[in-house]
Amino acid sequence: MGTDYLIKAHPEANVLYGQVGDGKSDHACWQRPEDIQNPRTVHKIDQQHPGSDLAAETAAAFAAAAVAFSQSDSSYSSILLNHAKQAPLSLSSPVGFRNNYDFQVLALIVSNFLQLFDFATKYPGLYQNSIPDAAEFYKSSGYEDELLWAAAWLARATNDNSYVEFLTKNGILEQKYSGDGSLSQFKTSAEQFICNCIQKGNSNTGRTGAGLLWFGDWNNLQYVTSASFIIAAYADVLTATSSTLQCAQVVGVPNQADEYSDTRDNYQQAEVATANNAPFVGVLARLAS
């Protein structure tokens, strides 16, 4: 599992290995990991070299994994979480637990995300300042959003209200609220991006001759798959927020020659108005009675 790797990358409470290898030399030679003969530089963050963004994002990943484990058996997951928080690194499976491996893995996951969140908040800093090689390839723009993201997942995974309090107290870090007009620009940008990807926008995304979305020469599919996920997720949002109730309504209808043009710009005939619908409801009510 991916969490197995993350657990190994977090050998101590305030140590997290964030990169193996060098960006430029790794791109110069593509081969199987087991065939690599040259030295592999290992980069880490710790108390003297902090990386709140990396630590918090990893903490969120651990917490999300813990939630995923809970889906198969919520009571089992609750017991695991409680025991893991009490003695997270030296647990044995109590009588009645189905799977000792699952118990030990979840115990380690819980221990890791609690430690990493504490590390991220106590020793703030951008990870690329501690791992300079990462700045050229995966530069972070800040760590405040990762702290909030991690706190949200921790609240979900542990039901510990202290993480909710952290969110409430520190939500101002990003200074964005649902009622804040500044957020509307991001909603508009996202919708414009989706429209451009499906060729319904004002600046449609380019396509190859075979129809593949084209964003650039370097690893184009990372953008294609990301765009596909966003479009699929937005489709679910539209489905969930769209009413399925079928309603009839009275429009202006025919002219003197009994002709009707059902076009949106023909408002004199096609417009729906309360002036004709309200009395029609009365007519239907009278007929029904």
Protein backbone atom coordinates (compact mmCIF):
# COMPACT_ATOMS: atom_id res chain seq x y z
CA MET A 1 0.00 0.00 0.00
CA GLY A 2 1.00 3.62 -0.45
CA THR A 3 0.72 4.12 3.29
CA ASP A 4 3.41 1.45 3.82
CA TYR A 5 5.86 3.67 1.95
CA LEU A 6 4.79 6.77 3.89
CA ILE A 7 5.20 4.93 7.19
CA LYS A 8 8.76 3.97 6.23
CA ALA A 9 9.42 7.58 5.20
CA HIS A 10 8.43 8.72 8.70
CA PRO A 11 10.84 6.87 11.04
CA GLU A 12 10.68 9.43 13.86
CA ALA A 13 8.09 11.88 15.14
CA ASN A 14 9.77 14.96 13.66
CA VAL A 15 11.48 13.39 10.67
CA LEU A 16 9.93 12.85 7.23
CA TYR A 17 11.82 11.86 4.10
CA GLY A 18 10.44 13.95 1.27
CA GLN A 19 12.56 13.11 -1.76
CA VAL A 20 14.77 10.33 -3.02
CA GLY A 21 17.09 11.18 -5.89
CA ASP A 22 17.95 14.33 -7.82
CA GLY A 23 15.52 15.88 -10.27
CA LYS A 24 17.95 16.65 -13.07
CA SER A 25 20.04 13.48 -12.95
CA ASP A 26 16.93 11.32 -12.64
CA HIS A 27 15.48 12.86 -15.79
CA ALA A 28 18.73 12.17 -17.62
CA CYS A 29 18.38 8.40 -17.30
CA TRP A 30 15.15 6.37 -17.27
CA GLN A 31 15.54 2.86 -15.91
CA ARG A 32 14.12 0.39 -13.43
CA PRO A 33 14.84 1.28 -9.78
CA GLU A 34 16.54 -2.08 -9.20
CA ASP A 35 19.00 -1.33 -12.02
CA ILE A 36 20.12 2.05 -10.69
CA GLN A 37 23.81 1.94 -9.76
CA ASN A 38 24.55 5.61 -9.07
CA PRO A 39 24.12 7.06 -5.56
CA ARG A 40 20.61 8.12 -4.58
CA THR A 41 20.52 11.34 -2.59
CA VAL A 42 17.93 11.28 0.18
CA HIS A 43 16.33 14.50 1.41
CA LYS A 44 14.37 14.93 4.61
CA ILE A 45 12.64 17.54 6.75
CA ASP A 46 13.12 17.74 10.51
CA GLN A 47 13.10 20.27 13.36
CA GLN A 48 16.08 22.16 11.94
CA HIS A 49 14.82 21.86 8.36
CA PRO A 50 11.02 22.19 8.55
CA GLY A 51 8.41 21.58 5.88
CA SER A 52 4.91 22.20 7.19
CA ASP A 53 3.32 21.77 3.77
CA LEU A 54 4.86 18.33 3.20
CA ALA A 55 4.25 17.14 6.76
CA ALA A 56 0.65 18.35 6.85
CA GLU A 57 -0.19 16.89 3.43
CA THR A 58 1.25 13.55 4.53
CA ALA A 59 -0.71 13.75 7.78
CA ALA A 60 -3.86 14.29 5.73
CA ALA A 61 -3.01 11.25 3.60
CA PHE A 62 -2.62 9.10 6.71
CA ALA A 63 -5.90 10.36 8.15
CA ALA A 64 -7.75 9.74 4.89
CA ALA A 65 -6.34 6.20 4.81
CA ALA A 66 -7.62 5.64 8.34
CA VAL A 67 -11.07 6.75 7.22
CA ALA A 68 -10.87 4.36 4.26
CA PHE A 69 -10.12 1.47 6.64
CA SER A 70 -13.18 2.34 8.68
CA GLN A 71 -15.60 1.79 5.81
CA SER A 72 -15.58 -1.99 6.10
CA ASP A 73 -16.33 -2.05 9.82
CA SER A 74 -16.95 1.20 11.69
CA SER A 75 -16.97 -0.33 15.19
CA TYR A 76 -13.73 -2.15 14.43
CA SER A 77 -12.21 1.10 13.18
CA SER A 78 -13.29 2.96 16.31
CA ILE A 79 -11.58 0.39 18.53
CA LEU A 80 -8.46 0.62 16.41
CA LEU A 81 -8.40 4.39 16.62
CA ASN A 82 -8.87 4.43 20.38
CA HIS A 83 -6.15 1.87 21.02
CA ALA A 84 -3.84 3.40 18.47
CA LYS A 85 -4.05 6.80 20.17
CA GLN A 86 -3.30 5.24 23.56
CA ALA A 87 -0.27 3.18 22.56
CA PRO A 88 0.22 3.61 18.83
CA LEU A 89 3.55 1.91 18.23
CA SER A 90 3.39 -1.19 20.42
CA LEU A 91 -0.04 -2.69 19.97
CA SER A 92 -1.12 -6.28 19.64
CA SER A 93 -4.45 -7.32 18.28
CA PRO A 94 -7.06 -7.80 21.05
CA VAL A 95 -9.28 -10.86 21.14
CA GLY A 96 -12.00 -10.63 18.51
CA PHE A 97 -10.12 -8.51 15.98
CA ARG A 98 -10.41 -9.99 12.54
CA ASN A 99 -7.04 -9.15 11.12
CA ASN A 100 -3.86 -8.43 13.07
CA TYR A 101 -2.18 -6.94 10.00
CA ASP A 102 -4.97 -4.40 9.52
CA PHE A 103 -4.82 -3.54 13.21
CA GLN A 104 -1.07 -2.93 13.17
CA VAL A 105 -1.19 -0.93 9.94
CA LEU A 106 -3.98 1.32 11.17
CA ALA A 107 -2.22 1.78 14.50
CA LEU A 108 0.86 2.97 12.64
CA ILE A 109 -1.22 5.22 10.39
CA VAL A 110 -2.91 6.90 13.35
CA SER A 111 0.38 7.33 15.15
CA ASN A 112 1.98 8.83 12.05
CA PHE A 113 -0.71 11.37 11.21
CA LEU A 114 -0.95 12.60 14.82
CA GLN A 115 2.82 13.03 15.00
CA LEU A 116 3.10 14.68 11.60
CA PHE A 117 0.37 17.22 12.27
CA ASP A 118 2.07 18.15 15.54
CA PHE A 119 5.38 18.43 13.66
CA ALA A 120 3.84 20.60 10.94
CA THR A 121 2.29 23.06 13.39
CA LYS A 122 5.23 23.32 15.81
CA TYR A 123 7.94 23.79 13.18
CA PRO A 124 6.51 25.96 10.37
CA GLY A 125 8.25 26.39 7.04
CA LEU A 126 8.14 25.60 3.33
CA TYR A 127 9.58 22.22 2.43
CA GLN A 128 11.46 23.49 -0.64
CA ASN A 129 13.59 25.66 1.64
CA SER A 130 14.74 22.45 3.30
CA ILE A 131 14.81 20.41 0.08
CA PRO A 132 15.99 22.99 -2.51
CA ASP A 133 16.04 20.49 -5.37
CA ALA A 134 12.26 20.15 -5.10
CA ALA A 135 11.70 23.86 -5.79
CA GLU A 136 12.44 23.46 -9.49
CA PHE A 137 9.97 20.64 -9.98
CA TYR A 138 7.30 20.71 -7.25
CA LYS A 139 7.40 24.14 -5.65
CA SER A 140 4.89 24.87 -2.90
CA SER A 141 3.04 28.19 -2.75
CA GLY A 142 2.44 28.03 1.01
CA TYR A 143 1.61 25.71 3.88
CA GLU A 144 -1.46 27.30 5.49
CA ASP A 145 -3.94 25.46 3.28
CA GLU A 146 -2.22 22.12 3.96
CA LEU A 147 -2.53 22.68 7.72
CA LEU A 148 -6.27 23.28 7.37
CA TRP A 149 -6.61 20.30 5.01
CA ALA A 150 -4.82 18.04 7.50
CA ALA A 151 -6.91 19.32 10.41
CA ALA A 152 -10.10 18.61 8.48
CA TRP A 153 -9.07 15.02 7.78
CA LEU A 154 -7.90 14.54 11.37
CA ALA A 155 -11.26 15.77 12.62
CA ARG A 156 -12.96 13.29 10.31
CA ALA A 157 -10.72 10.38 11.30
CA THR A 158 -10.60 10.93 15.06
CA ASN A 159 -13.81 12.84 15.91
CA ASP A 160 -11.55 14.97 18.09
CA ASN A 161 -13.10 18.42 18.45
CA SER A 162 -9.70 20.04 18.95
CA TYR A 163 -9.10 19.75 15.21
CA VAL A 164 -12.43 21.42 14.50
CA GLU A 165 -11.37 24.20 16.87
CA PHE A 166 -8.09 24.48 14.95
CA LEU A 167 -10.05 24.91 11.73
CA THR A 168 -12.36 27.49 13.28
CA LYS A 169 -9.52 29.47 14.81
CA ASN A 170 -7.16 29.34 11.86
CA GLY A 171 -9.55 29.46 8.93
CA ILE A 172 -8.49 33.08 8.55
CA LEU A 173 -5.11 31.77 7.35
CA GLU A 174 -6.49 31.63 3.84
CA GLN A 175 -9.02 34.46 4.37
CA LYS A 176 -11.66 32.85 2.19
CA TYR A 177 -15.25 32.18 3.20
CA SER A 178 -18.19 30.74 1.33
CA GLY A 179 -19.95 34.12 1.42
CA ASP A 180 -16.85 36.02 0.38
CA GLY A 181 -17.20 37.47 -3.11
CA SER A 182 -13.51 36.85 -3.75
CA LEU A 183 -14.25 33.13 -4.12
CA SER A 184 -16.60 33.66 -7.06
CA GLN A 185 -13.66 34.34 -9.38
CA PHE A 186 -12.29 30.85 -8.69
CA LYS A 187 -15.70 29.27 -9.34
CA THR A 188 -15.93 31.21 -12.59
CA SER A 189 -12.40 30.20 -13.59
CA ALA A 190 -13.12 26.53 -12.86
CA GLU A 191 -16.31 26.59 -14.91
CA GLN A 192 -14.56 28.36 -17.78
CA PHE A 193 -11.80 25.75 -17.68
CA ILE A 194 -14.34 22.93 -17.87
CA CYS A 195 -16.14 24.61 -20.76
CA ASN A 196 -12.86 25.07 -22.60
CA CYS A 197 -11.96 21.41 -22.11
CA ILE A 198 -15.27 20.23 -23.58
CA GLN A 199 -14.92 22.72 -26.43
CA LYS A 200 -17.85 24.87 -25.28
CA GLY A 201 -15.88 27.87 -24.02
CA ASN A 202 -14.47 31.12 -25.33
CA SER A 203 -10.89 29.83 -25.41
CA ASN A 204 -11.11 26.11 -26.03
CA THR A 205 -8.26 23.86 -25.00
CA GLY A 206 -6.22 22.56 -27.90
CA ARG A 207 -6.54 18.99 -29.08
CA THR A 208 -4.30 16.64 -31.00
CA GLY A 209 -5.37 15.21 -34.33
CA ALA A 210 -6.70 12.13 -32.53
CA GLY A 211 -8.72 14.27 -30.11
CA LEU A 212 -6.50 14.25 -27.00
CA LEU A 213 -6.54 17.45 -24.93
CA TRP A 214 -3.24 19.24 -25.37
CA PHE A 215 -1.71 21.39 -22.63
CA GLY A 216 2.02 21.07 -23.27
CA ASP A 217 4.95 18.87 -24.26
CA TRP A 218 6.06 17.83 -20.76
CA ASN A 219 3.96 14.97 -19.40
CA ASN A 220 0.74 16.14 -21.04
CA LEU A 221 -1.33 13.31 -19.56
CA GLN A 222 -0.94 14.66 -16.03
CA TYR A 223 -3.13 17.57 -17.13
CA VAL A 224 -5.47 15.42 -19.21
CA THR A 225 -6.20 13.01 -16.36
CA SER A 226 -6.59 15.89 -13.89
CA ALA A 227 -8.99 17.68 -16.23
CA SER A 228 -10.95 14.46 -16.73
CA PHE A 229 -11.33 14.04 -12.97
CA ILE A 230 -12.49 17.65 -12.52
CA ILE A 231 -15.06 17.28 -15.31
CA ALA A 232 -16.34 13.99 -13.89
CA ALA A 233 -16.59 15.44 -10.37
CA TYR A 234 -18.39 18.53 -11.65
CA ALA A 235 -20.86 16.33 -13.49
CA ASP A 236 -21.77 14.75 -10.14
CA VAL A 237 -22.23 18.22 -8.63
CA LEU A 238 -24.54 19.25 -11.45
CA THR A 239 -26.53 16.04 -11.10
CA ALA A 240 -26.89 16.47 -7.34
CA THR A 241 -27.95 20.11 -7.58
CA SER A 242 -30.23 19.80 -10.59
CA SER A 243 -33.92 19.35 -9.93
CA THR A 244 -35.55 16.32 -11.49
CA LEU A 245 -39.06 17.66 -10.88
CA GLN A 246 -40.87 18.10 -14.18
CA CYS A 247 -42.97 21.28 -14.17
CA ALA A 248 -45.33 22.70 -16.78
CA GLN A 249 -45.55 26.44 -17.28
CA VAL A 250 -47.63 28.76 -19.40
CA VAL A 251 -45.81 30.93 -21.92
CA GLY A 252 -47.13 33.76 -24.09
CA VAL A 253 -48.14 31.32 -26.86
CA PRO A 254 -49.59 31.96 -30.32
CA ASN A 255 -50.01 35.19 -32.19
CA GLN A 256 -53.21 36.24 -33.92
CA ALA A 257 -52.55 33.78 -36.73
CA ASP A 258 -52.22 30.92 -34.22
CA GLU A 259 -48.49 30.71 -34.95
CA TYR A 260 -45.90 30.08 -32.26
CA SER A 261 -42.12 30.29 -32.56
CA ASP A 262 -40.44 28.45 -29.69
CA THR A 263 -37.16 30.39 -29.63
CA ARG A 264 -35.50 31.95 -26.61
CA ASP A 265 -35.23 35.43 -28.16
CA ASN A 266 -38.97 35.49 -28.97
CA TYR A 267 -39.85 36.73 -25.49
CA GLN A 268 -43.26 38.08 -26.52
CA GLN A 269 -44.46 34.54 -27.14
CA ALA A 270 -41.98 32.28 -25.30
CA GLU A 271 -41.49 34.13 -22.00
CA VAL A 272 -42.78 32.54 -18.81
CA ALA A 273 -44.45 35.08 -16.53
CA THR A 274 -46.45 35.11 -13.30
CA ALA A 275 -49.13 37.17 -15.06
CA ASN A 276 -50.38 34.15 -17.00
CA ASN A 277 -49.30 31.32 -14.66
CA ALA A 278 -50.92 32.64 -11.47
CA PRO A 279 -54.49 32.79 -12.82
CA PHE A 280 -54.00 29.47 -14.60
CA VAL A 281 -53.32 27.82 -11.23
CA GLY A 282 -56.69 29.17 -10.11
CA VAL A 283 -58.36 27.66 -13.15
CA LEU A 284 -56.79 24.25 -12.42
CA ALA A 285 -57.81 24.48 -8.77
CA ARG A 286 -61.41 25.19 -9.76
CA LEU A 287 -61.47 22.31 -12.22
CA ALA A 288 -59.95 19.96 -9.64
CA SER A 289 -62.61 20.86 -7.09
